[in-house]
Amino acid sequence: MIKTSQFTRMPDPNEPELDRLLRAWKRILERGLETLENTDHKDVLKWWASPQNEGASQRPFELPDNTQTIDKYSGYIEQMICYIMRIAPKEESTDETGM
């Protein structure tokens, strides 16, 4: 467990690729939040909140009341990205077809 948690730490100075990847994630998150904030059409927000294609949700998709929630879950995503990038094999893999 302790060894696994070491893979989730934030990038070291010698990991510029991982740092750039996390900056890209933060830009994606910011753009998504801006889109949500700038979307004032309630029907669209209800469709975004709906888990089914057959009908819109009764409650629109909205930001959580607690602003720390976004930071908390974004941090989990950042840790997951760090973990995956550190344990992923460095060489290129190919499938059975050689692609």
N, C-alpha and C. Protein backbone atom coordinates (compact mmCIF):
# COMPACT_ATOMS: atom_id res chain seq x y z
N MET A 1 0.82 -1.18 0.00
CA MET A 1 0.00 0.00 0.00
C MET A 1 0.88 1.26 0.00
N ILE A 2 1.93 1.26 0.82
CA ILE A 2 2.81 2.42 0.87
C ILE A 2 3.53 2.60 -0.46
N LYS A 3 4.00 1.49 -1.03
CA LYS A 3 4.69 1.57 -2.32
C LYS A 3 3.74 2.09 -3.40
N THR A 4 2.51 1.63 -3.40
CA THR A 4 1.52 2.08 -4.38
C THR A 4 1.24 3.57 -4.23
N SER A 5 1.16 4.05 -3.01
CA SER A 5 0.85 5.47 -2.80
C SER A 5 1.98 6.36 -3.31
N GLN A 6 3.21 5.85 -3.37
CA GLN A 6 4.32 6.65 -3.89
C GLN A 6 4.13 6.98 -5.36
N PHE A 7 3.41 6.15 -6.09
CA PHE A 7 3.17 6.39 -7.51
C PHE A 7 2.16 7.51 -7.75
N THR A 8 1.40 7.88 -6.71
CA THR A 8 0.35 8.88 -6.89
C THR A 8 0.82 10.30 -6.56
N ARG A 9 2.06 10.46 -6.14
CA ARG A 9 2.56 11.80 -5.77
C ARG A 9 2.60 12.71 -7.00
N MET A 10 2.64 14.01 -6.73
CA MET A 10 2.72 14.99 -7.81
C MET A 10 4.07 14.87 -8.51
N PRO A 11 4.17 15.37 -9.74
CA PRO A 11 5.41 15.20 -10.51
C PRO A 11 6.63 15.84 -9.86
N ASP A 12 7.75 15.14 -9.99
CA ASP A 12 9.04 15.66 -9.56
C ASP A 12 9.58 16.58 -10.65
N PRO A 13 10.60 17.39 -10.35
CA PRO A 13 11.18 18.25 -11.38
C PRO A 13 11.73 17.48 -12.58
N ASN A 14 12.10 16.21 -12.37
CA ASN A 14 12.63 15.41 -13.47
C ASN A 14 11.54 14.68 -14.26
N GLU A 15 10.28 15.08 -14.08
CA GLU A 15 9.15 14.48 -14.80
C GLU A 15 8.36 15.57 -15.54
N PRO A 16 8.97 16.24 -16.51
CA PRO A 16 8.28 17.35 -17.18
C PRO A 16 7.07 16.88 -18.00
N GLU A 17 7.14 15.65 -18.55
CA GLU A 17 6.00 15.17 -19.35
C GLU A 17 4.76 14.99 -18.48
N LEU A 18 4.97 14.45 -17.29
CA LEU A 18 3.85 14.26 -16.37
C LEU A 18 3.29 15.60 -15.90
N ASP A 19 4.17 16.56 -15.68
CA ASP A 19 3.73 17.90 -15.29
C ASP A 19 2.88 18.52 -16.40
N ARG A 20 3.32 18.38 -17.65
CA ARG A 20 2.55 18.92 -18.78
C ARG A 20 1.19 18.23 -18.90
N LEU A 21 1.17 16.93 -18.65
CA LEU A 21 -0.09 16.18 -18.72
C LEU A 21 -1.08 16.68 -17.66
N LEU A 22 -0.60 16.94 -16.46
CA LEU A 22 -1.48 17.46 -15.41
C LEU A 22 -1.96 18.87 -15.72
N ARG A 23 -1.10 19.69 -16.33
CA ARG A 23 -1.54 21.03 -16.74
C ARG A 23 -2.62 20.92 -17.81
N ALA A 24 -2.48 19.95 -18.72
CA ALA A 24 -3.51 19.74 -19.74
C ALA A 24 -4.83 19.32 -19.08
N TRP A 25 -4.78 18.44 -18.09
CA TRP A 25 -5.99 18.03 -17.38
C TRP A 25 -6.67 19.25 -16.74
N LYS A 26 -5.86 20.11 -16.12
CA LYS A 26 -6.44 21.30 -15.47
C LYS A 26 -7.09 22.23 -16.48
N ARG A 27 -6.51 22.35 -17.67
CA ARG A 27 -7.13 23.17 -18.72
C ARG A 27 -8.45 22.55 -19.18
N ILE A 28 -8.48 21.24 -19.33
CA ILE A 28 -9.71 20.56 -19.73
C ILE A 28 -10.79 20.80 -18.67
N LEU A 29 -10.43 20.65 -17.41
CA LEU A 29 -11.39 20.87 -16.32
C LEU A 29 -11.89 22.31 -16.32
N GLU A 30 -10.99 23.27 -16.46
CA GLU A 30 -11.39 24.69 -16.47
C GLU A 30 -12.34 24.98 -17.63
N ARG A 31 -12.04 24.45 -18.80
CA ARG A 31 -12.92 24.68 -19.95
C ARG A 31 -14.28 24.05 -19.73
N GLY A 32 -14.31 22.88 -19.14
CA GLY A 32 -15.59 22.24 -18.84
C GLY A 32 -16.41 23.05 -17.85
N LEU A 33 -15.74 23.55 -16.82
CA LEU A 33 -16.45 24.37 -15.83
C LEU A 33 -16.94 25.68 -16.44
N GLU A 34 -16.14 26.28 -17.32
CA GLU A 34 -16.57 27.49 -18.00
C GLU A 34 -17.78 27.22 -18.89
N THR A 35 -17.75 26.10 -19.59
CA THR A 35 -18.89 25.74 -20.45
C THR A 35 -20.15 25.56 -19.62
N LEU A 36 -20.01 24.87 -18.50
CA LEU A 36 -21.16 24.67 -17.61
C LEU A 36 -21.68 26.00 -17.09
N GLU A 37 -20.77 26.87 -16.71
CA GLU A 37 -21.17 28.18 -16.18
C GLU A 37 -21.84 29.05 -17.24
N ASN A 38 -21.39 28.94 -18.48
CA ASN A 38 -21.92 29.78 -19.55
C ASN A 38 -23.16 29.20 -20.23
N THR A 39 -23.54 27.99 -19.88
CA THR A 39 -24.73 27.37 -20.46
C THR A 39 -25.93 27.72 -19.58
N ASP A 40 -26.80 28.56 -20.11
CA ASP A 40 -27.95 29.00 -19.31
C ASP A 40 -29.26 28.37 -19.77
N HIS A 41 -29.18 27.48 -20.73
CA HIS A 41 -30.39 26.83 -21.23
C HIS A 41 -30.70 25.63 -20.33
N LYS A 42 -31.75 25.72 -19.54
CA LYS A 42 -32.08 24.69 -18.54
C LYS A 42 -32.33 23.32 -19.16
N ASP A 43 -32.92 23.27 -20.36
CA ASP A 43 -33.18 21.97 -20.98
C ASP A 43 -31.89 21.24 -21.32
N VAL A 44 -30.90 21.98 -21.78
CA VAL A 44 -29.60 21.37 -22.08
C VAL A 44 -28.99 20.81 -20.80
N LEU A 45 -29.05 21.57 -19.72
CA LEU A 45 -28.50 21.13 -18.45
C LEU A 45 -29.24 19.91 -17.91
N LYS A 46 -30.55 19.81 -18.18
CA LYS A 46 -31.30 18.64 -17.76
C LYS A 46 -30.89 17.40 -18.56
N TRP A 47 -30.61 17.57 -19.85
CA TRP A 47 -30.14 16.44 -20.66
C TRP A 47 -28.76 16.00 -20.22
N TRP A 48 -27.89 16.95 -19.87
CA TRP A 48 -26.55 16.59 -19.40
C TRP A 48 -26.62 15.77 -18.12
N ALA A 49 -27.61 16.04 -17.29
CA ALA A 49 -27.76 15.33 -16.01
C ALA A 49 -28.43 13.98 -16.17
N SER A 50 -29.01 13.71 -17.32
CA SER A 50 -29.78 12.48 -17.51
C SER A 50 -28.87 11.30 -17.84
N PRO A 51 -29.00 10.21 -17.09
CA PRO A 51 -28.20 9.02 -17.40
C PRO A 51 -28.81 8.19 -18.55
N GLN A 52 -30.00 8.55 -18.98
CA GLN A 52 -30.69 7.78 -20.02
C GLN A 52 -30.95 8.67 -21.24
N ASN A 53 -30.96 8.05 -22.41
CA ASN A 53 -31.23 8.79 -23.64
C ASN A 53 -32.71 9.04 -23.88
N GLU A 54 -33.56 8.32 -23.18
CA GLU A 54 -35.00 8.40 -23.45
C GLU A 54 -35.64 9.68 -22.94
N GLY A 55 -35.06 10.29 -21.93
CA GLY A 55 -35.69 11.50 -21.39
C GLY A 55 -34.71 12.30 -20.56
N ALA A 56 -35.02 13.57 -20.41
CA ALA A 56 -34.17 14.46 -19.63
C ALA A 56 -34.43 14.28 -18.15
N SER A 57 -33.43 14.54 -17.37
CA SER A 57 -33.57 14.50 -15.92
C SER A 57 -34.46 15.66 -15.47
N GLN A 58 -35.07 15.52 -14.32
CA GLN A 58 -35.90 16.61 -13.79
C GLN A 58 -35.04 17.71 -13.17
N ARG A 59 -33.84 17.35 -12.73
CA ARG A 59 -32.93 18.33 -12.13
C ARG A 59 -31.81 18.64 -13.11
N PRO A 60 -31.49 19.89 -13.31
CA PRO A 60 -30.41 20.24 -14.24
C PRO A 60 -29.03 19.91 -13.66
N PHE A 61 -28.10 19.69 -14.55
CA PHE A 61 -26.71 19.47 -14.17
C PHE A 61 -26.15 20.80 -13.68
N GLU A 62 -25.56 20.83 -12.49
CA GLU A 62 -25.04 22.08 -11.95
C GLU A 62 -23.81 21.81 -11.11
N LEU A 63 -23.11 22.88 -10.82
CA LEU A 63 -21.93 22.78 -9.97
C LEU A 63 -22.36 22.42 -8.56
N PRO A 64 -21.50 21.68 -7.83
CA PRO A 64 -21.85 21.37 -6.45
C PRO A 64 -21.87 22.64 -5.59
N ASP A 65 -22.64 22.61 -4.53
CA ASP A 65 -22.73 23.77 -3.63
C ASP A 65 -21.39 24.05 -2.95
N ASN A 66 -20.67 23.01 -2.59
CA ASN A 66 -19.38 23.16 -1.92
C ASN A 66 -18.29 23.24 -2.98
N THR A 67 -17.64 24.38 -3.08
CA THR A 67 -16.61 24.57 -4.12
C THR A 67 -15.40 23.68 -3.90
N GLN A 68 -15.18 23.21 -2.70
CA GLN A 68 -14.04 22.33 -2.43
C GLN A 68 -14.23 20.95 -3.05
N THR A 69 -15.46 20.60 -3.40
CA THR A 69 -15.73 19.30 -3.99
C THR A 69 -14.99 19.13 -5.31
N ILE A 70 -14.99 20.15 -6.14
CA ILE A 70 -14.32 20.07 -7.44
C ILE A 70 -12.82 19.89 -7.23
N ASP A 71 -12.24 20.65 -6.31
CA ASP A 71 -10.81 20.52 -6.03
C ASP A 71 -10.48 19.11 -5.51
N LYS A 72 -11.33 18.60 -4.66
CA LYS A 72 -11.10 17.28 -4.08
C LYS A 72 -11.09 16.20 -5.15
N TYR A 73 -12.13 16.16 -5.99
CA TYR A 73 -12.21 15.11 -6.99
C TYR A 73 -11.24 15.33 -8.14
N SER A 74 -10.92 16.57 -8.46
CA SER A 74 -9.89 16.84 -9.45
C SER A 74 -8.54 16.33 -8.96
N GLY A 75 -8.29 16.48 -7.67
CA GLY A 75 -7.06 15.94 -7.07
C GLY A 75 -6.98 14.43 -7.21
N TYR A 76 -8.12 13.76 -7.04
CA TYR A 76 -8.14 12.30 -7.23
C TYR A 76 -7.79 11.94 -8.67
N ILE A 77 -8.32 12.69 -9.62
CA ILE A 77 -8.01 12.44 -11.03
C ILE A 77 -6.52 12.67 -11.29
N GLU A 78 -5.96 13.73 -10.72
CA GLU A 78 -4.53 14.00 -10.88
C GLU A 78 -3.69 12.86 -10.32
N GLN A 79 -4.06 12.35 -9.15
CA GLN A 79 -3.33 11.22 -8.57
C GLN A 79 -3.44 9.98 -9.46
N MET A 80 -4.62 9.76 -10.02
CA MET A 80 -4.82 8.61 -10.90
C MET A 80 -3.95 8.75 -12.16
N ILE A 81 -3.89 9.95 -12.73
CA ILE A 81 -3.05 10.18 -13.91
C ILE A 81 -1.59 9.90 -13.57
N CYS A 82 -1.12 10.41 -12.43
CA CYS A 82 0.26 10.16 -12.02
C CYS A 82 0.52 8.67 -11.86
N TYR A 83 -0.40 7.99 -11.21
CA TYR A 83 -0.25 6.55 -10.98
C TYR A 83 -0.17 5.79 -12.31
N ILE A 84 -1.10 6.06 -13.19
CA ILE A 84 -1.15 5.34 -14.47
C ILE A 84 0.11 5.61 -15.29
N MET A 85 0.53 6.86 -15.35
CA MET A 85 1.70 7.19 -16.16
C MET A 85 2.98 6.60 -15.58
N ARG A 86 3.02 6.41 -14.29
CA ARG A 86 4.23 5.84 -13.67
C ARG A 86 4.28 4.32 -13.78
N ILE A 87 3.13 3.67 -13.82
CA ILE A 87 3.17 2.21 -13.89
C ILE A 87 3.03 1.68 -15.31
N ALA A 88 2.64 2.53 -16.25
CA ALA A 88 2.46 2.10 -17.64
C ALA A 88 3.81 1.69 -18.23
N PRO A 89 3.81 0.65 -19.06
CA PRO A 89 5.07 0.25 -19.69
C PRO A 89 5.60 1.36 -20.60
N LYS A 90 6.91 1.53 -20.61
CA LYS A 90 7.54 2.60 -21.40
C LYS A 90 7.59 2.27 -22.88
N GLU A 91 7.70 1.00 -23.22
CA GLU A 91 7.80 0.63 -24.63
C GLU A 91 6.42 0.60 -25.27
N GLU A 92 6.42 0.71 -26.59
CA GLU A 92 5.16 0.66 -27.32
C GLU A 92 4.66 -0.78 -27.36
N SER A 93 3.38 -0.94 -27.13
CA SER A 93 2.82 -2.29 -27.17
C SER A 93 2.05 -2.47 -28.47
N THR A 94 1.98 -3.70 -28.93
CA THR A 94 1.22 -4.01 -30.13
C THR A 94 0.26 -5.13 -29.81
N ASP A 95 -0.84 -5.16 -30.53
CA ASP A 95 -1.79 -6.24 -30.32
C ASP A 95 -1.48 -7.39 -31.27
N GLU A 96 -2.35 -8.36 -31.33
CA GLU A 96 -2.11 -9.55 -32.15
C GLU A 96 -1.93 -9.25 -33.63
N THR A 97 -2.53 -8.15 -34.10
CA THR A 97 -2.44 -7.82 -35.53
C THR A 97 -1.16 -7.07 -35.86
N GLY A 98 -0.35 -6.75 -34.85
CA GLY A 98 0.88 -6.02 -35.08
C GLY A 98 0.69 -4.52 -35.18
N MET A 99 -0.49 -4.04 -34.84
CA MET A 99 -0.77 -2.60 -34.93
C MET A 99 -0.36 -1.93 -33.64
